[in-house]
Amino acid sequence: MSNLTCSRSCLMKRDLECSVDKLSFMKENWPSFAQIENVDRLSKAELQCSLCLLDIVIDGLSKDEFSCPNKELIRLVIMYVYIQERFDLCEIKELHTKLVMTPVKKKKE
């Protein structure tokens, strides 16, 4: 997960990167953190931001910058996978809408 999901910069991303305790930062600044039932309500942009933030946390864990209990790590990975699936579904729906809305060109005889 070393390729971050989002190359854009935002205050929360920057603050998270500078944070010593990234998990506490996420819990304090993202109220629905690790609550899968709230993911279904997120917009595509919010899903992308969530993936970006989780990428930073999981990347830090994989580089041993900090640690967390295994249970917490499992929850983070499950959350990441679920959010990624929701994000992919949003993209598929957008593509479907574009295909349905695109007029079909008729062949000239």
C-alpha atoms as a PDB file:
ATOM      1  CA  MET A   1       0.000   0.000   0.000  1.00  0.00           C
ATOM      2  CA  SER A   2       2.925   2.300  -0.524  1.00  0.00           C
ATOM      3  CA  ASN A   3       1.213   3.975  -3.473  1.00  0.00           C
ATOM      4  CA  LEU A   4      -1.010   6.475  -1.771  1.00  0.00           C
ATOM      5  CA  THR A   5      -4.556   6.645  -3.044  1.00  0.00           C
ATOM      6  CA  CYS A   6      -4.568  10.407  -3.379  1.00  0.00           C
ATOM      7  CA  SER A   7      -1.753  12.685  -4.417  1.00  0.00           C
ATOM      8  CA  ARG A   8      -3.652  15.818  -3.422  1.00  0.00           C
ATOM      9  CA  SER A   9      -2.843  17.652  -0.250  1.00  0.00           C
ATOM     10  CA  CYS A  10      -5.357  18.503   2.444  1.00  0.00           C
ATOM     11  CA  LEU A  11      -5.064  19.700   6.024  1.00  0.00           C
ATOM     12  CA  MET A  12      -6.266  16.451   7.560  1.00  0.00           C
ATOM     13  CA  LYS A  13      -3.853  14.385   5.463  1.00  0.00           C
ATOM     14  CA  ARG A  14      -0.951  16.661   6.383  1.00  0.00           C
ATOM     15  CA  ASP A  15      -1.886  16.643  10.075  1.00  0.00           C
ATOM     16  CA  LEU A  16      -2.204  12.849  10.046  1.00  0.00           C
ATOM     17  CA  GLU A  17       1.202  12.467   8.412  1.00  0.00           C
ATOM     18  CA  CYS A  18       2.733  14.702  11.116  1.00  0.00           C
ATOM     19  CA  SER A  19       0.877  12.997  13.954  1.00  0.00           C
ATOM     20  CA  VAL A  20       2.843  10.780  16.322  1.00  0.00           C
ATOM     21  CA  ASP A  21      -0.166   8.618  17.240  1.00  0.00           C
ATOM     22  CA  LYS A  22      -1.973   8.166  13.940  1.00  0.00           C
ATOM     23  CA  LEU A  23      -4.668   5.860  15.316  1.00  0.00           C
ATOM     24  CA  SER A  24      -5.631   8.304  18.058  1.00  0.00           C
ATOM     25  CA  PHE A  25      -5.619  11.102  15.506  1.00  0.00           C
ATOM     26  CA  MET A  26      -8.014   9.146  13.278  1.00  0.00           C
ATOM     27  CA  LYS A  27     -10.340   8.332  16.177  1.00  0.00           C
ATOM     28  CA  GLU A  28     -10.414  11.960  17.355  1.00  0.00           C
ATOM     29  CA  ASN A  29     -10.839  13.580  13.941  1.00  0.00           C
ATOM     30  CA  TRP A  30     -12.923  11.040  12.067  1.00  0.00           C
ATOM     31  CA  PRO A  31     -15.973  10.219  14.222  1.00  0.00           C
ATOM     32  CA  SER A  32     -17.079   7.272  12.095  1.00  0.00           C
ATOM     33  CA  PHE A  33     -13.574   5.784  11.979  1.00  0.00           C
ATOM     34  CA  ALA A  34     -13.703   1.978  11.803  1.00  0.00           C
ATOM     35  CA  GLN A  35     -17.505   1.871  11.709  1.00  0.00           C
ATOM     36  CA  ILE A  36     -18.340  -0.032   8.552  1.00  0.00           C
ATOM     37  CA  GLU A  37     -22.050   0.759   8.808  1.00  0.00           C
ATOM     38  CA  ASN A  38     -21.273   4.449   8.144  1.00  0.00           C
ATOM     39  CA  VAL A  39     -19.286   3.766   4.967  1.00  0.00           C
ATOM     40  CA  ASP A  40     -22.433   3.229   2.892  1.00  0.00           C
ATOM     41  CA  ARG A  41     -23.414   6.872   3.456  1.00  0.00           C
ATOM     42  CA  LEU A  42     -20.159   8.345   2.145  1.00  0.00           C
ATOM     43  CA  SER A  43     -19.913  10.080  -1.219  1.00  0.00           C
ATOM     44  CA  LYS A  44     -17.329   9.011  -3.773  1.00  0.00           C
ATOM     45  CA  ALA A  45     -15.071  11.913  -2.748  1.00  0.00           C
ATOM     46  CA  GLU A  46     -15.406  10.985   0.940  1.00  0.00           C
ATOM     47  CA  LEU A  47     -14.587   7.368   0.111  1.00  0.00           C
ATOM     48  CA  GLN A  48     -11.459   8.483  -1.739  1.00  0.00           C
ATOM     49  CA  CYS A  49     -10.394  10.651   1.213  1.00  0.00           C
ATOM     50  CA  SER A  50     -11.025   7.765   3.597  1.00  0.00           C
ATOM     51  CA  LEU A  51      -8.838   5.482   1.484  1.00  0.00           C
ATOM     52  CA  CYS A  52      -6.101   8.092   1.436  1.00  0.00           C
ATOM     53  CA  LEU A  53      -6.132   8.499   5.225  1.00  0.00           C
ATOM     54  CA  LEU A  54      -6.253   4.757   5.849  1.00  0.00           C
ATOM     55  CA  ASP A  55      -3.392   4.332   3.381  1.00  0.00           C
ATOM     56  CA  ILE A  56      -1.249   6.631   5.515  1.00  0.00           C
ATOM     57  CA  VAL A  57      -2.054   4.708   8.693  1.00  0.00           C
ATOM     58  CA  ILE A  58      -1.555   1.243   7.186  1.00  0.00           C
ATOM     59  CA  ASP A  59       1.603   2.351   5.383  1.00  0.00           C
ATOM     60  CA  GLY A  60       3.004   3.644   8.689  1.00  0.00           C
ATOM     61  CA  LEU A  61       2.200   0.339  10.363  1.00  0.00           C
ATOM     62  CA  SER A  62       3.873  -1.641   7.586  1.00  0.00           C
ATOM     63  CA  LYS A  63       7.036   0.452   7.956  1.00  0.00           C
ATOM     64  CA  ASP A  64       7.024  -0.082  11.734  1.00  0.00           C
ATOM     65  CA  GLU A  65       6.702   3.679  12.336  1.00  0.00           C
ATOM     66  CA  PHE A  66       4.236   2.781  15.093  1.00  0.00           C
ATOM     67  CA  SER A  67       2.329  -0.283  16.208  1.00  0.00           C
ATOM     68  CA  CYS A  68      -1.151  -1.317  17.215  1.00  0.00           C
ATOM     69  CA  PRO A  69      -2.843  -4.452  18.518  1.00  0.00           C
ATOM     70  CA  ASN A  70      -3.529  -7.159  15.924  1.00  0.00           C
ATOM     71  CA  LYS A  71      -7.269  -6.729  16.398  1.00  0.00           C
ATOM     72  CA  GLU A  72      -6.977  -3.049  15.470  1.00  0.00           C
ATOM     73  CA  LEU A  73      -4.820  -3.865  12.439  1.00  0.00           C
ATOM     74  CA  ILE A  74      -7.333  -6.432  11.209  1.00  0.00           C
ATOM     75  CA  ARG A  75     -10.129  -3.903  11.606  1.00  0.00           C
ATOM     76  CA  LEU A  76      -8.140  -1.299   9.639  1.00  0.00           C
ATOM     77  CA  VAL A  77      -7.511  -3.701   6.769  1.00  0.00           C
ATOM     78  CA  ILE A  78     -11.150  -4.843   6.676  1.00  0.00           C
ATOM     79  CA  MET A  79     -12.241  -1.209   6.688  1.00  0.00           C
ATOM     80  CA  TYR A  80      -9.821  -0.398   3.865  1.00  0.00           C
ATOM     81  CA  VAL A  81     -11.041  -3.301   1.726  1.00  0.00           C
ATOM     82  CA  TYR A  82     -14.692  -2.417   2.334  1.00  0.00           C
ATOM     83  CA  ILE A  83     -14.156   1.252   1.475  1.00  0.00           C
ATOM     84  CA  GLN A  84     -12.208   0.271  -1.652  1.00  0.00           C
ATOM     85  CA  GLU A  85     -15.108  -1.960  -2.746  1.00  0.00           C
ATOM     86  CA  ARG A  86     -17.607   0.861  -2.178  1.00  0.00           C
ATOM     87  CA  PHE A  87     -15.385   3.274  -4.110  1.00  0.00           C
ATOM     88  CA  ASP A  88     -15.096   0.815  -7.014  1.00  0.00           C
ATOM     89  CA  LEU A  89     -18.870   0.374  -6.994  1.00  0.00           C
ATOM     90  CA  CYS A  90     -19.328   4.161  -7.266  1.00  0.00           C
ATOM     91  CA  GLU A  91     -17.012   4.223 -10.272  1.00  0.00           C
ATOM     92  CA  ILE A  92     -18.886   1.349 -11.919  1.00  0.00           C
ATOM     93  CA  LYS A  93     -22.198   3.150 -11.371  1.00  0.00           C
ATOM     94  CA  GLU A  94     -20.748   6.313 -12.943  1.00  0.00           C
ATOM     95  CA  LEU A  95     -19.550   4.350 -15.972  1.00  0.00           C
ATOM     96  CA  HIS A  96     -22.912   2.643 -16.282  1.00  0.00           C
ATOM     97  CA  THR A  97     -24.705   5.985 -16.154  1.00  0.00           C
ATOM     98  CA  LYS A  98     -22.419   7.396 -18.862  1.00  0.00           C
ATOM     99  CA  LEU A  99     -23.032   4.374 -21.067  1.00  0.00           C
ATOM    100  CA  VAL A 100     -26.787   4.516 -20.602  1.00  0.00           C
ATOM    101  CA  MET A 101     -26.919   8.267 -21.227  1.00  0.00           C
ATOM    102  CA  THR A 102     -24.709   8.180 -24.335  1.00  0.00           C
ATOM    103  CA  PRO A 103     -26.890   8.183 -27.443  1.00  0.00           C
ATOM    104  CA  VAL A 104     -26.394   5.287 -29.799  1.00  0.00           C
ATOM    105  CA  LYS A 105     -25.172   6.355 -33.232  1.00  0.00           C
ATOM    106  CA  LYS A 106     -27.028   4.760 -36.097  1.00  0.00           C
ATOM    107  CA  LYS A 107     -25.198   3.471 -39.137  1.00  0.00           C
ATOM    108  CA  LYS A 108     -25.661   5.409 -42.338  1.00  0.00           C
ATOM    109  CA  GLU A 109     -27.066   3.280 -45.107  1.00  0.00           C
END
